[in-house]
Amino acid sequence: MESIILSHIIQIGNSKGVRIPKLLLKKSGLSSKVEIIAEEGRVIVQVPSHPRKKWEAELRKASLAHDDVSFVENGPLSSFDDEDWEW
């Protein structure tokens, strides 16, 4: 169930902020580190995403399957790689 609480933007030093009630923090699962996203008409505060969270396990699986060939071994990815770098 969604919790909606009316609040105010307040001055915090040279910045502004919103106090988040303890009940909402507990319900949301937010802790000391958050990701803040600004969109038209709203600011989203959420648990930080970890886009590389599963990389280690996936690389380990690829290695076991001998499917971990480096892209460098397959040649340059672009003319920039071919012309401007010494391999």
C-alpha atoms as a PDB file:
ATOM      1  CA  MET A   1       0.000   0.000   0.000  1.00  0.00           C
ATOM      2  CA  GLU A   2       1.274   3.447  -0.952  1.00  0.00           C
ATOM      3  CA  SER A   3       1.998   6.026   1.771  1.00  0.00           C
ATOM      4  CA  ILE A   4       1.534   9.685   0.876  1.00  0.00           C
ATOM      5  CA  ILE A   5       2.553  12.411   3.313  1.00  0.00           C
ATOM      6  CA  LEU A   6       2.442  16.142   2.583  1.00  0.00           C
ATOM      7  CA  SER A   7       5.735  17.853   3.421  1.00  0.00           C
ATOM      8  CA  HIS A   8       7.589  21.120   2.795  1.00  0.00           C
ATOM      9  CA  ILE A   9      10.886  21.972   1.142  1.00  0.00           C
ATOM     10  CA  ILE A  10      13.083  23.510   3.853  1.00  0.00           C
ATOM     11  CA  GLN A  11      16.357  25.440   3.971  1.00  0.00           C
ATOM     12  CA  ILE A  12      19.361  23.285   5.016  1.00  0.00           C
ATOM     13  CA  GLY A  13      22.482  25.478   4.977  1.00  0.00           C
ATOM     14  CA  ASN A  14      22.982  26.672   1.390  1.00  0.00           C
ATOM     15  CA  SER A  15      20.775  23.860   0.083  1.00  0.00           C
ATOM     16  CA  LYS A  16      17.169  22.846   0.404  1.00  0.00           C
ATOM     17  CA  GLY A  17      15.767  19.527   1.462  1.00  0.00           C
ATOM     18  CA  VAL A  18      12.755  17.508   2.549  1.00  0.00           C
ATOM     19  CA  ARG A  19      12.509  15.742   5.901  1.00  0.00           C
ATOM     20  CA  ILE A  20      11.546  12.129   5.423  1.00  0.00           C
ATOM     21  CA  PRO A  21       9.581  10.680   8.345  1.00  0.00           C
ATOM     22  CA  LYS A  22      11.045   7.570  10.003  1.00  0.00           C
ATOM     23  CA  LEU A  23       7.968   5.519   9.028  1.00  0.00           C
ATOM     24  CA  LEU A  24       8.521   6.241   5.317  1.00  0.00           C
ATOM     25  CA  LEU A  25      12.254   5.480   5.555  1.00  0.00           C
ATOM     26  CA  LYS A  26      11.528   2.142   7.182  1.00  0.00           C
ATOM     27  CA  LYS A  27       8.806   1.269   4.678  1.00  0.00           C
ATOM     28  CA  SER A  28      10.939   2.297   1.668  1.00  0.00           C
ATOM     29  CA  GLY A  29      14.096   0.464   2.701  1.00  0.00           C
ATOM     30  CA  LEU A  30      16.208   3.578   2.113  1.00  0.00           C
ATOM     31  CA  SER A  31      19.404   3.921   4.147  1.00  0.00           C
ATOM     32  CA  SER A  32      22.298   6.370   4.214  1.00  0.00           C
ATOM     33  CA  LYS A  33      23.108   6.130   0.497  1.00  0.00           C
ATOM     34  CA  VAL A  34      20.444   6.981  -2.084  1.00  0.00           C
ATOM     35  CA  GLU A  35      20.159   7.682  -5.783  1.00  0.00           C
ATOM     36  CA  ILE A  36      18.343  10.927  -6.663  1.00  0.00           C
ATOM     37  CA  ILE A  37      16.729  11.378 -10.067  1.00  0.00           C
ATOM     38  CA  ALA A  38      15.157  14.650 -11.227  1.00  0.00           C
ATOM     39  CA  GLU A  39      12.288  14.501 -13.694  1.00  0.00           C
ATOM     40  CA  GLU A  40       9.773  17.088 -14.803  1.00  0.00           C
ATOM     41  CA  GLY A  41       7.608  17.870 -11.768  1.00  0.00           C
ATOM     42  CA  ARG A  42       9.175  15.327  -9.414  1.00  0.00           C
ATOM     43  CA  VAL A  43      12.316  14.131  -7.669  1.00  0.00           C
ATOM     44  CA  ILE A  44      12.765  10.388  -7.156  1.00  0.00           C
ATOM     45  CA  VAL A  45      14.806   9.147  -4.200  1.00  0.00           C
ATOM     46  CA  GLN A  46      15.562   5.439  -4.422  1.00  0.00           C
ATOM     47  CA  VAL A  47      17.921   2.700  -3.340  1.00  0.00           C
ATOM     48  CA  PRO A  48      21.010   2.946  -5.584  1.00  0.00           C
ATOM     49  CA  SER A  49      20.991   0.587  -8.548  1.00  0.00           C
ATOM     50  CA  HIS A  50      24.047  -1.596  -9.045  1.00  0.00           C
ATOM     51  CA  PRO A  51      24.263  -2.197 -12.789  1.00  0.00           C
ATOM     52  CA  ARG A  52      27.466  -4.271 -12.456  1.00  0.00           C
ATOM     53  CA  LYS A  53      26.283  -6.286  -9.470  1.00  0.00           C
ATOM     54  CA  LYS A  54      26.146  -9.600 -11.375  1.00  0.00           C
ATOM     55  CA  TRP A  55      29.205  -9.060 -13.584  1.00  0.00           C
ATOM     56  CA  GLU A  56      31.587 -11.144 -11.467  1.00  0.00           C
ATOM     57  CA  ALA A  57      29.316 -14.198 -11.492  1.00  0.00           C
ATOM     58  CA  GLU A  58      28.651 -13.833 -15.233  1.00  0.00           C
ATOM     59  CA  LEU A  59      32.363 -13.495 -16.030  1.00  0.00           C
ATOM     60  CA  ARG A  60      33.099 -16.554 -13.905  1.00  0.00           C
ATOM     61  CA  LYS A  61      30.477 -18.547 -15.867  1.00  0.00           C
ATOM     62  CA  ALA A  62      31.921 -17.329 -19.171  1.00  0.00           C
ATOM     63  CA  SER A  63      35.415 -18.331 -18.062  1.00  0.00           C
ATOM     64  CA  LEU A  64      34.298 -21.836 -17.107  1.00  0.00           C
ATOM     65  CA  ALA A  65      32.628 -22.166 -20.516  1.00  0.00           C
ATOM     66  CA  HIS A  66      35.819 -20.865 -22.211  1.00  0.00           C
ATOM     67  CA  ASP A  67      33.721 -18.021 -23.577  1.00  0.00           C
ATOM     68  CA  ASP A  68      35.797 -15.177 -22.143  1.00  0.00           C
ATOM     69  CA  VAL A  69      37.876 -14.165 -25.156  1.00  0.00           C
ATOM     70  CA  SER A  70      39.023 -10.573 -24.872  1.00  0.00           C
ATOM     71  CA  PHE A  71      37.648  -8.157 -27.449  1.00  0.00           C
ATOM     72  CA  VAL A  72      41.217  -6.968 -28.094  1.00  0.00           C
ATOM     73  CA  GLU A  73      42.063 -10.388 -29.529  1.00  0.00           C
ATOM     74  CA  ASN A  74      39.276  -9.897 -32.056  1.00  0.00           C
ATOM     75  CA  GLY A  75      40.838  -6.697 -33.413  1.00  0.00           C
ATOM     76  CA  PRO A  76      40.018  -3.025 -33.001  1.00  0.00           C
ATOM     77  CA  LEU A  77      36.439  -1.958 -32.407  1.00  0.00           C
ATOM     78  CA  SER A  78      36.719   1.202 -34.524  1.00  0.00           C
ATOM     79  CA  SER A  79      39.108   3.132 -36.746  1.00  0.00           C
ATOM     80  CA  PHE A  80      40.046   5.175 -33.659  1.00  0.00           C
ATOM     81  CA  ASP A  81      41.337   2.017 -31.985  1.00  0.00           C
ATOM     82  CA  ASP A  82      43.203   0.993 -35.116  1.00  0.00           C
ATOM     83  CA  GLU A  83      44.802   4.359 -35.946  1.00  0.00           C
ATOM     84  CA  ASP A  84      45.440   6.130 -32.654  1.00  0.00           C
ATOM     85  CA  TRP A  85      46.685   3.333 -30.387  1.00  0.00           C
ATOM     86  CA  GLU A  86      49.777   1.211 -30.479  1.00  0.00           C
ATOM     87  CA  TRP A  87      48.975  -2.372 -29.529  1.00  0.00           C
END
